Amino acid sequence: MVKSTFISIGLHVFFILVAYYGLPSFKVIEPFEQPIDIVEDTLISSKTVLKLGNPNKEVKKTPPPPPPLPSKKIIDKKNIELKKKKKLKEMAELIKKKPKSKIEKIKKVSVPKVKTKPKEIKQKQKKLLAREY
């Protein structure tokens, strides 16, 4: 009986330690509080150090110079690229066009005429069906 008591106490202590260290969601960890920096207000003087300049002068803005003209080699390359693009567009238009089908559609569909069975055959079939049931 003493042996089973020690085993019980040992298992209880073991499960309590596993629950305490192994299950962190049950522990409440409070974040560390960081000190707040307090900034003292400085006095603002009535005089400023800013230089405003002479407001009567108007600044003349000159437009920037135009960009230089491209060389003939660059112009030739661009013209060649444009010609290639035009050819590709023409080929794409030809591919987009659907060819017209030369097959004429049949407008009228002939429906076969329904032939009715003669009365004698109908009567024979009714008699045969009545005998089976």
C-alpha atoms as a PDB file:
ATOM      1  CA  MET A   1       0.000   0.000   0.000  1.00  0.00           C
ATOM      2  CA  VAL A   2       2.895   2.357   0.702  1.00  0.00           C
ATOM      3  CA  LYS A   3       4.385   1.504  -2.693  1.00  0.00           C
ATOM      4  CA  SER A   4       1.205   2.452  -4.575  1.00  0.00           C
ATOM      5  CA  THR A   5       0.967   5.769  -2.670  1.00  0.00           C
ATOM      6  CA  PHE A   6       4.488   6.768  -3.756  1.00  0.00           C
ATOM      7  CA  ILE A   7       3.713   5.770  -7.361  1.00  0.00           C
ATOM      8  CA  SER A   8       0.515   7.893  -7.269  1.00  0.00           C
ATOM      9  CA  ILE A   9       2.300  10.919  -5.800  1.00  0.00           C
ATOM     10  CA  GLY A  10       5.139  10.542  -8.338  1.00  0.00           C
ATOM     11  CA  LEU A  11       2.736  10.365 -11.289  1.00  0.00           C
ATOM     12  CA  HIS A  12       0.754  13.379 -10.025  1.00  0.00           C
ATOM     13  CA  VAL A  13       3.936  15.434  -9.675  1.00  0.00           C
ATOM     14  CA  PHE A  14       5.084  14.293 -13.142  1.00  0.00           C
ATOM     15  CA  PHE A  15       1.800  15.305 -14.839  1.00  0.00           C
ATOM     16  CA  ILE A  16       1.714  18.640 -13.009  1.00  0.00           C
ATOM     17  CA  LEU A  17       5.274  19.416 -14.191  1.00  0.00           C
ATOM     18  CA  VAL A  18       4.426  18.374 -17.784  1.00  0.00           C
ATOM     19  CA  ALA A  19       1.322  20.563 -17.727  1.00  0.00           C
ATOM     20  CA  TYR A  20       3.229  23.520 -16.286  1.00  0.00           C
ATOM     21  CA  TYR A  21       6.292  23.430 -18.551  1.00  0.00           C
ATOM     22  CA  GLY A  22       4.835  21.662 -21.562  1.00  0.00           C
ATOM     23  CA  LEU A  23       1.648  23.640 -22.016  1.00  0.00           C
ATOM     24  CA  PRO A  24       2.673  27.281 -22.516  1.00  0.00           C
ATOM     25  CA  SER A  25      -0.850  28.434 -23.357  1.00  0.00           C
ATOM     26  CA  PHE A  26      -1.858  28.172 -19.696  1.00  0.00           C
ATOM     27  CA  LYS A  27       0.977  30.404 -18.556  1.00  0.00           C
ATOM     28  CA  VAL A  28       0.347  34.149 -18.717  1.00  0.00           C
ATOM     29  CA  ILE A  29       3.487  35.974 -19.769  1.00  0.00           C
ATOM     30  CA  GLU A  30       3.146  39.691 -19.388  1.00  0.00           C
ATOM     31  CA  PRO A  31       5.174  41.821 -21.809  1.00  0.00           C
ATOM     32  CA  PHE A  32       7.923  43.988 -20.451  1.00  0.00           C
ATOM     33  CA  GLU A  33       6.916  47.622 -20.177  1.00  0.00           C
ATOM     34  CA  GLN A  34       9.289  49.981 -21.912  1.00  0.00           C
ATOM     35  CA  PRO A  35       9.850  53.399 -20.386  1.00  0.00           C
ATOM     36  CA  ILE A  36       8.221  56.310 -22.202  1.00  0.00           C
ATOM     37  CA  ASP A  37      10.540  59.068 -23.391  1.00  0.00           C
ATOM     38  CA  ILE A  38       9.286  62.405 -22.161  1.00  0.00           C
ATOM     39  CA  VAL A  39      10.098  65.332 -24.407  1.00  0.00           C
ATOM     40  CA  GLU A  40      10.154  68.715 -22.803  1.00  0.00           C
ATOM     41  CA  ASP A  41       8.539  71.573 -24.698  1.00  0.00           C
ATOM     42  CA  THR A  42      11.030  74.212 -25.746  1.00  0.00           C
ATOM     43  CA  LEU A  43      10.187  77.861 -25.804  1.00  0.00           C
ATOM     44  CA  ILE A  44       9.564  79.367 -29.199  1.00  0.00           C
ATOM     45  CA  SER A  45      11.096  82.762 -29.761  1.00  0.00           C
ATOM     46  CA  SER A  46       9.259  85.551 -31.499  1.00  0.00           C
ATOM     47  CA  LYS A  47      12.145  86.065 -33.915  1.00  0.00           C
ATOM     48  CA  THR A  48      12.875  83.513 -36.594  1.00  0.00           C
ATOM     49  CA  VAL A  49      16.170  82.729 -38.234  1.00  0.00           C
ATOM     50  CA  LEU A  50      14.549  82.257 -41.616  1.00  0.00           C
ATOM     51  CA  LYS A  51      15.577  84.575 -44.445  1.00  0.00           C
ATOM     52  CA  LEU A  52      12.602  85.375 -46.620  1.00  0.00           C
ATOM     53  CA  GLY A  53      14.494  87.200 -49.365  1.00  0.00           C
ATOM     54  CA  ASN A  54      13.127  89.933 -51.579  1.00  0.00           C
ATOM     55  CA  PRO A  55       9.528  89.073 -52.556  1.00  0.00           C
ATOM     56  CA  ASN A  56       9.546  91.689 -55.374  1.00  0.00           C
ATOM     57  CA  LYS A  57      12.015  89.748 -57.553  1.00  0.00           C
ATOM     58  CA  GLU A  58      10.517  87.299 -60.019  1.00  0.00           C
ATOM     59  CA  VAL A  59      12.514  84.260 -60.975  1.00  0.00           C
ATOM     60  CA  LYS A  60      12.625  83.636 -64.714  1.00  0.00           C
ATOM     61  CA  LYS A  61      12.390  79.991 -65.619  1.00  0.00           C
ATOM     62  CA  THR A  62      13.941  78.976 -68.901  1.00  0.00           C
ATOM     63  CA  PRO A  63      12.504  75.961 -70.660  1.00  0.00           C
ATOM     64  CA  PRO A  64      14.878  73.010 -70.902  1.00  0.00           C
ATOM     65  CA  PRO A  65      16.604  72.508 -74.246  1.00  0.00           C
ATOM     66  CA  PRO A  66      14.960  70.059 -76.664  1.00  0.00           C
ATOM     67  CA  PRO A  67      16.391  66.539 -76.739  1.00  0.00           C
ATOM     68  CA  PRO A  68      18.929  65.773 -79.477  1.00  0.00           C
ATOM     69  CA  LEU A  69      17.693  64.231 -82.722  1.00  0.00           C
ATOM     70  CA  PRO A  70      18.326  60.493 -83.130  1.00  0.00           C
ATOM     71  CA  SER A  71      20.893  59.293 -85.636  1.00  0.00           C
ATOM     72  CA  LYS A  72      19.997  57.769 -89.032  1.00  0.00           C
ATOM     73  CA  LYS A  73      20.914  54.262 -87.865  1.00  0.00           C
ATOM     74  CA  ILE A  74      18.375  54.406 -85.051  1.00  0.00           C
ATOM     75  CA  ILE A  75      15.702  55.788 -87.407  1.00  0.00           C
ATOM     76  CA  ASP A  76      16.403  52.999 -89.943  1.00  0.00           C
ATOM     77  CA  LYS A  77      16.122  50.329 -87.240  1.00  0.00           C
ATOM     78  CA  LYS A  78      12.789  51.717 -86.071  1.00  0.00           C
ATOM     79  CA  ASN A  79      11.472  51.859 -89.643  1.00  0.00           C
ATOM     80  CA  ILE A  80      12.436  48.215 -90.176  1.00  0.00           C
ATOM     81  CA  GLU A  81      10.676  47.219 -86.945  1.00  0.00           C
ATOM     82  CA  LEU A  82       7.552  49.147 -87.992  1.00  0.00           C
ATOM     83  CA  LYS A  83       7.517  47.391 -91.374  1.00  0.00           C
ATOM     84  CA  LYS A  84       7.782  43.994 -89.648  1.00  0.00           C
ATOM     85  CA  LYS A  85       4.900  44.884 -87.355  1.00  0.00           C
ATOM     86  CA  LYS A  86       2.760  45.950 -90.327  1.00  0.00           C
ATOM     87  CA  LYS A  87       3.460  42.655 -92.091  1.00  0.00           C
ATOM     88  CA  LEU A  88       2.533  40.712 -88.962  1.00  0.00           C
ATOM     89  CA  LYS A  89      -0.724  42.669 -88.653  1.00  0.00           C
ATOM     90  CA  GLU A  90      -1.601  41.946 -92.293  1.00  0.00           C
ATOM     91  CA  MET A  91      -0.903  38.242 -91.781  1.00  0.00           C
ATOM     92  CA  ALA A  92      -3.014  38.242 -88.611  1.00  0.00           C
ATOM     93  CA  GLU A  93      -5.913  39.849 -90.480  1.00  0.00           C
ATOM     94  CA  LEU A  94      -5.691  37.195 -93.177  1.00  0.00           C
ATOM     95  CA  ILE A  95      -5.740  34.483 -90.551  1.00  0.00           C
ATOM     96  CA  LYS A  96      -8.728  36.064 -88.789  1.00  0.00           C
ATOM     97  CA  LYS A  97     -10.832  36.016 -91.949  1.00  0.00           C
ATOM     98  CA  LYS A  98     -12.925  32.872 -92.048  1.00  0.00           C
ATOM     99  CA  PRO A  99     -13.231  31.139 -95.387  1.00  0.00           C
ATOM    100  CA  LYS A 100     -16.740  31.021 -96.791  1.00  0.00           C
ATOM    101  CA  SER A 101     -18.119  27.521 -96.978  1.00  0.00           C
ATOM    102  CA  LYS A 102     -19.233  26.421-100.426  1.00  0.00           C
ATOM    103  CA  ILE A 103     -21.584  23.780 -99.048  1.00  0.00           C
ATOM    104  CA  GLU A 104     -25.209  24.752 -99.400  1.00  0.00           C
ATOM    105  CA  LYS A 105     -27.420  23.944 -96.507  1.00  0.00           C
ATOM    106  CA  ILE A 106     -30.550  21.928 -97.070  1.00  0.00           C
ATOM    107  CA  LYS A 107     -33.387  24.098 -95.944  1.00  0.00           C
ATOM    108  CA  LYS A 108     -36.270  21.623 -95.993  1.00  0.00           C
ATOM    109  CA  VAL A 109     -36.117  18.416 -94.073  1.00  0.00           C
ATOM    110  CA  SER A 110     -38.448  15.769 -95.323  1.00  0.00           C
ATOM    111  CA  VAL A 111     -40.406  14.123 -92.528  1.00  0.00           C
ATOM    112  CA  PRO A 112     -41.359  10.526 -93.214  1.00  0.00           C
ATOM    113  CA  LYS A 113     -45.058   9.814 -93.289  1.00  0.00           C
ATOM    114  CA  VAL A 114     -46.440   7.828 -90.412  1.00  0.00           C
ATOM    115  CA  LYS A 115     -48.257   4.739 -91.483  1.00  0.00           C
ATOM    116  CA  THR A 116     -51.094   3.620 -89.287  1.00  0.00           C
ATOM    117  CA  LYS A 117     -51.587  -0.048 -88.546  1.00  0.00           C
ATOM    118  CA  PRO A 118     -54.659  -1.674 -89.877  1.00  0.00           C
ATOM    119  CA  LYS A 119     -57.433  -2.273 -87.377  1.00  0.00           C
ATOM    120  CA  GLU A 120     -57.103  -6.056 -87.584  1.00  0.00           C
ATOM    121  CA  ILE A 121     -53.454  -5.994 -86.463  1.00  0.00           C
ATOM    122  CA  LYS A 122     -54.294  -3.675 -83.571  1.00  0.00           C
ATOM    123  CA  GLN A 123     -57.036  -5.965 -82.371  1.00  0.00           C
ATOM    124  CA  LYS A 124     -54.751  -9.021 -82.534  1.00  0.00           C
ATOM    125  CA  GLN A 125     -52.089  -7.258 -80.498  1.00  0.00           C
ATOM    126  CA  LYS A 126     -54.625  -6.246 -77.860  1.00  0.00           C
ATOM    127  CA  LYS A 127     -55.835  -9.830 -77.559  1.00  0.00           C
ATOM    128  CA  LEU A 128     -52.268 -11.138 -77.200  1.00  0.00           C
ATOM    129  CA  LEU A 129     -51.485  -8.583 -74.496  1.00  0.00           C
ATOM    130  CA  ALA A 130     -54.699  -9.417 -72.648  1.00  0.00           C
ATOM    131  CA  ARG A 131     -53.834 -13.161 -72.623  1.00  0.00           C
ATOM    132  CA  GLU A 132     -50.392 -12.521 -71.152  1.00  0.00           C
ATOM    133  CA  TYR A 133     -51.720 -10.624 -68.170  1.00  0.00           C
END
